[in-house]
Amino acid sequence: MNPLDIVIVLAVAAVVALCVRSIARGETSECSTCGDAGCTARYTGGHCRAADDMLRRANEALDKPAHHSAG
């Protein structure tokens, strides 16, 4: 095994270890990455405004007619 191979394997192992550590230490949920600092949905079980907005925009995009040149 080439010394460069060993360095690459060790670097990948370190990144994987840091990722696992980050996941294990963080208490994440589906609302944990919401950018709204005033959002309490994560703690109260309410509706997430960011998710509601995302779903509304996706539904609007699906309801739009297709382009005439599509096909």
N, C-alpha and C. Protein backbone atom coordinates (compact mmCIF):
# COMPACT_ATOMS: atom_id res chain seq x y z
N MET A 1 0.84 -1.17 0.00
CA MET A 1 0.00 0.00 0.00
C MET A 1 0.89 1.25 0.00
N ASN A 2 0.61 2.14 -0.87
CA ASN A 2 1.34 3.38 -1.02
C ASN A 2 1.07 4.30 0.19
N PRO A 3 2.04 5.07 0.65
CA PRO A 3 1.80 6.00 1.77
C PRO A 3 0.66 6.99 1.49
N LEU A 4 0.49 7.37 0.24
CA LEU A 4 -0.61 8.27 -0.11
C LEU A 4 -1.95 7.59 0.12
N ASP A 5 -2.03 6.30 -0.17
CA ASP A 5 -3.26 5.54 0.08
C ASP A 5 -3.60 5.55 1.57
N ILE A 6 -2.60 5.39 2.40
CA ILE A 6 -2.81 5.39 3.85
C ILE A 6 -3.33 6.75 4.31
N VAL A 7 -2.76 7.81 3.78
CA VAL A 7 -3.20 9.16 4.15
C VAL A 7 -4.65 9.38 3.73
N ILE A 8 -5.00 8.93 2.55
CA ILE A 8 -6.38 9.10 2.06
C ILE A 8 -7.35 8.29 2.92
N VAL A 9 -7.00 7.04 3.24
CA VAL A 9 -7.86 6.20 4.08
C VAL A 9 -8.03 6.83 5.46
N LEU A 10 -6.96 7.34 6.03
CA LEU A 10 -7.06 7.99 7.34
C LEU A 10 -7.90 9.25 7.29
N ALA A 11 -7.79 10.02 6.22
CA ALA A 11 -8.59 11.23 6.08
C ALA A 11 -10.08 10.89 5.96
N VAL A 12 -10.39 9.88 5.18
CA VAL A 12 -11.79 9.46 5.03
C VAL A 12 -12.32 8.93 6.36
N ALA A 13 -11.53 8.15 7.06
CA ALA A 13 -11.94 7.63 8.37
C ALA A 13 -12.19 8.77 9.35
N ALA A 14 -11.36 9.80 9.32
CA ALA A 14 -11.54 10.94 10.21
C ALA A 14 -12.82 11.69 9.89
N VAL A 15 -13.12 11.88 8.63
CA VAL A 15 -14.34 12.57 8.23
C VAL A 15 -15.57 11.76 8.64
N VAL A 16 -15.52 10.45 8.44
CA VAL A 16 -16.64 9.60 8.85
C VAL A 16 -16.83 9.67 10.37
N ALA A 17 -15.75 9.63 11.12
CA ALA A 17 -15.83 9.71 12.58
C ALA A 17 -16.43 11.04 13.01
N LEU A 18 -16.03 12.13 12.37
CA LEU A 18 -16.60 13.44 12.72
C LEU A 18 -18.08 13.51 12.38
N CYS A 19 -18.48 12.92 11.28
CA CYS A 19 -19.90 12.90 10.91
C CYS A 19 -20.72 12.11 11.92
N VAL A 20 -20.23 10.94 12.29
CA VAL A 20 -20.95 10.12 13.27
C VAL A 20 -21.02 10.85 14.60
N ARG A 21 -19.95 11.49 15.00
CA ARG A 21 -19.94 12.25 16.25
C ARG A 21 -20.95 13.39 16.20
N SER A 22 -21.01 14.08 15.08
CA SER A 22 -21.94 15.19 14.93
C SER A 22 -23.39 14.70 15.01
N ILE A 23 -23.67 13.59 14.36
CA ILE A 23 -25.03 13.03 14.39
C ILE A 23 -25.38 12.57 15.80
N ALA A 24 -24.44 11.92 16.47
CA ALA A 24 -24.70 11.39 17.81
C ALA A 24 -24.90 12.51 18.84
N ARG A 25 -24.18 13.60 18.69
CA ARG A 25 -24.28 14.69 19.66
C ARG A 25 -25.46 15.61 19.41
N GLY A 26 -25.90 15.70 18.18
CA GLY A 26 -26.99 16.60 17.85
C GLY A 26 -28.34 15.96 18.06
N GLU A 27 -29.26 16.74 18.59
CA GLU A 27 -30.63 16.25 18.75
C GLU A 27 -31.44 16.88 17.63
N THR A 28 -31.46 16.21 16.51
CA THR A 28 -32.11 16.78 15.34
C THR A 28 -33.49 16.17 15.14
N SER A 29 -34.31 16.93 14.46
CA SER A 29 -35.62 16.45 14.04
C SER A 29 -35.91 17.07 12.69
N GLU A 30 -37.09 16.82 12.17
CA GLU A 30 -37.42 17.36 10.86
C GLU A 30 -37.49 18.87 10.86
N CYS A 31 -37.66 19.50 12.01
CA CYS A 31 -37.73 20.97 12.10
C CYS A 31 -36.42 21.59 12.57
N SER A 32 -35.42 20.80 12.86
CA SER A 32 -34.23 21.33 13.48
C SER A 32 -33.42 22.25 12.57
N THR A 33 -33.59 22.13 11.26
CA THR A 33 -32.80 22.97 10.36
C THR A 33 -33.59 24.17 9.87
N CYS A 34 -34.76 24.41 10.45
CA CYS A 34 -35.57 25.56 10.07
C CYS A 34 -34.80 26.83 10.41
N GLY A 35 -34.74 27.75 9.48
CA GLY A 35 -34.00 28.99 9.68
C GLY A 35 -34.75 30.02 10.50
N ASP A 36 -36.00 29.77 10.84
CA ASP A 36 -36.80 30.71 11.58
C ASP A 36 -36.52 30.56 13.08
N ALA A 37 -35.88 31.55 13.67
CA ALA A 37 -35.51 31.47 15.08
C ALA A 37 -36.73 31.46 15.99
N GLY A 38 -37.84 32.01 15.55
CA GLY A 38 -39.03 32.07 16.38
C GLY A 38 -39.93 30.87 16.23
N CYS A 39 -39.53 29.87 15.47
CA CYS A 39 -40.37 28.70 15.22
C CYS A 39 -40.37 27.79 16.45
N THR A 40 -41.55 27.50 16.96
CA THR A 40 -41.67 26.63 18.13
C THR A 40 -42.28 25.29 17.77
N ALA A 41 -42.47 25.00 16.49
CA ALA A 41 -43.12 23.76 16.07
C ALA A 41 -42.36 22.53 16.55
N ARG A 42 -41.06 22.63 16.60
CA ARG A 42 -40.25 21.49 17.02
C ARG A 42 -40.58 21.08 18.45
N TYR A 43 -40.86 22.06 19.31
CA TYR A 43 -41.07 21.77 20.72
C TYR A 43 -42.55 21.59 21.07
N THR A 44 -43.44 22.21 20.31
CA THR A 44 -44.85 22.17 20.65
C THR A 44 -45.64 21.18 19.80
N GLY A 45 -45.03 20.63 18.77
CA GLY A 45 -45.74 19.71 17.90
C GLY A 45 -46.66 20.42 16.91
N GLY A 46 -46.48 21.72 16.74
CA GLY A 46 -47.30 22.49 15.82
C GLY A 46 -46.84 22.35 14.39
N HIS A 47 -47.37 23.21 13.53
CA HIS A 47 -47.02 23.19 12.11
C HIS A 47 -45.73 23.97 11.88
N CYS A 48 -44.88 23.44 11.02
CA CYS A 48 -43.65 24.11 10.63
C CYS A 48 -43.96 25.03 9.45
N ARG A 49 -43.77 26.33 9.64
CA ARG A 49 -44.09 27.29 8.59
C ARG A 49 -43.23 27.08 7.35
N ALA A 50 -41.97 26.73 7.53
CA ALA A 50 -41.09 26.52 6.39
C ALA A 50 -41.56 25.32 5.57
N ALA A 51 -41.94 24.24 6.23
CA ALA A 51 -42.42 23.06 5.51
C ALA A 51 -43.75 23.35 4.83
N ASP A 52 -44.64 24.07 5.51
CA ASP A 52 -45.93 24.43 4.91
C ASP A 52 -45.73 25.28 3.65
N ASP A 53 -44.79 26.23 3.71
CA ASP A 53 -44.52 27.09 2.56
C ASP A 53 -43.92 26.28 1.41
N MET A 54 -43.02 25.35 1.74
CA MET A 54 -42.41 24.52 0.71
C MET A 54 -43.47 23.67 0.01
N LEU A 55 -44.37 23.07 0.77
CA LEU A 55 -45.42 22.24 0.17
C LEU A 55 -46.39 23.08 -0.66
N ARG A 56 -46.70 24.29 -0.19
CA ARG A 56 -47.60 25.16 -0.94
C ARG A 56 -46.99 25.51 -2.29
N ARG A 57 -45.69 25.88 -2.30
CA ARG A 57 -45.03 26.24 -3.55
C ARG A 57 -44.90 25.04 -4.49
N ALA A 58 -44.67 23.85 -3.93
CA ALA A 58 -44.58 22.65 -4.77
C ALA A 58 -45.93 22.35 -5.41
N ASN A 59 -46.99 22.48 -4.64
CA ASN A 59 -48.33 22.23 -5.19
C ASN A 59 -48.68 23.26 -6.26
N GLU A 60 -48.30 24.52 -6.06
CA GLU A 60 -48.55 25.55 -7.07
C GLU A 60 -47.78 25.23 -8.35
N ALA A 61 -46.55 24.76 -8.20
CA ALA A 61 -45.73 24.44 -9.38
C ALA A 61 -46.33 23.25 -10.14
N LEU A 62 -46.90 22.30 -9.43
CA LEU A 62 -47.50 21.16 -10.09
C LEU A 62 -48.79 21.52 -10.80
N ASP A 63 -49.47 22.55 -10.32
CA ASP A 63 -50.74 22.96 -10.91
C ASP A 63 -50.56 23.81 -12.17
N LYS A 64 -49.34 24.32 -12.41
CA LYS A 64 -49.10 25.16 -13.58
C LYS A 64 -49.13 24.31 -14.84
N PRO A 65 -49.68 24.85 -15.96
CA PRO A 65 -49.68 24.09 -17.21
C PRO A 65 -48.26 23.95 -17.76
N ALA A 66 -48.05 22.89 -18.51
CA ALA A 66 -46.74 22.63 -19.10
C ALA A 66 -46.44 23.61 -20.21
N HIS A 67 -45.16 23.77 -20.55
CA HIS A 67 -44.75 24.65 -21.64
C HIS A 67 -45.25 24.08 -22.97
N HIS A 68 -45.53 24.94 -23.91
CA HIS A 68 -46.00 24.49 -25.22
C HIS A 68 -44.93 23.75 -25.99
N SER A 69 -43.65 24.10 -25.73
CA SER A 69 -42.57 23.46 -26.47
C SER A 69 -42.12 22.16 -25.84
N ALA A 70 -42.70 21.79 -24.69
CA ALA A 70 -42.29 20.55 -24.03
C ALA A 70 -42.80 19.35 -24.82
N GLY A 71 -42.09 18.30 -24.77
CA GLY A 71 -42.61 17.11 -25.41
C GLY A 71 -41.58 16.36 -26.08
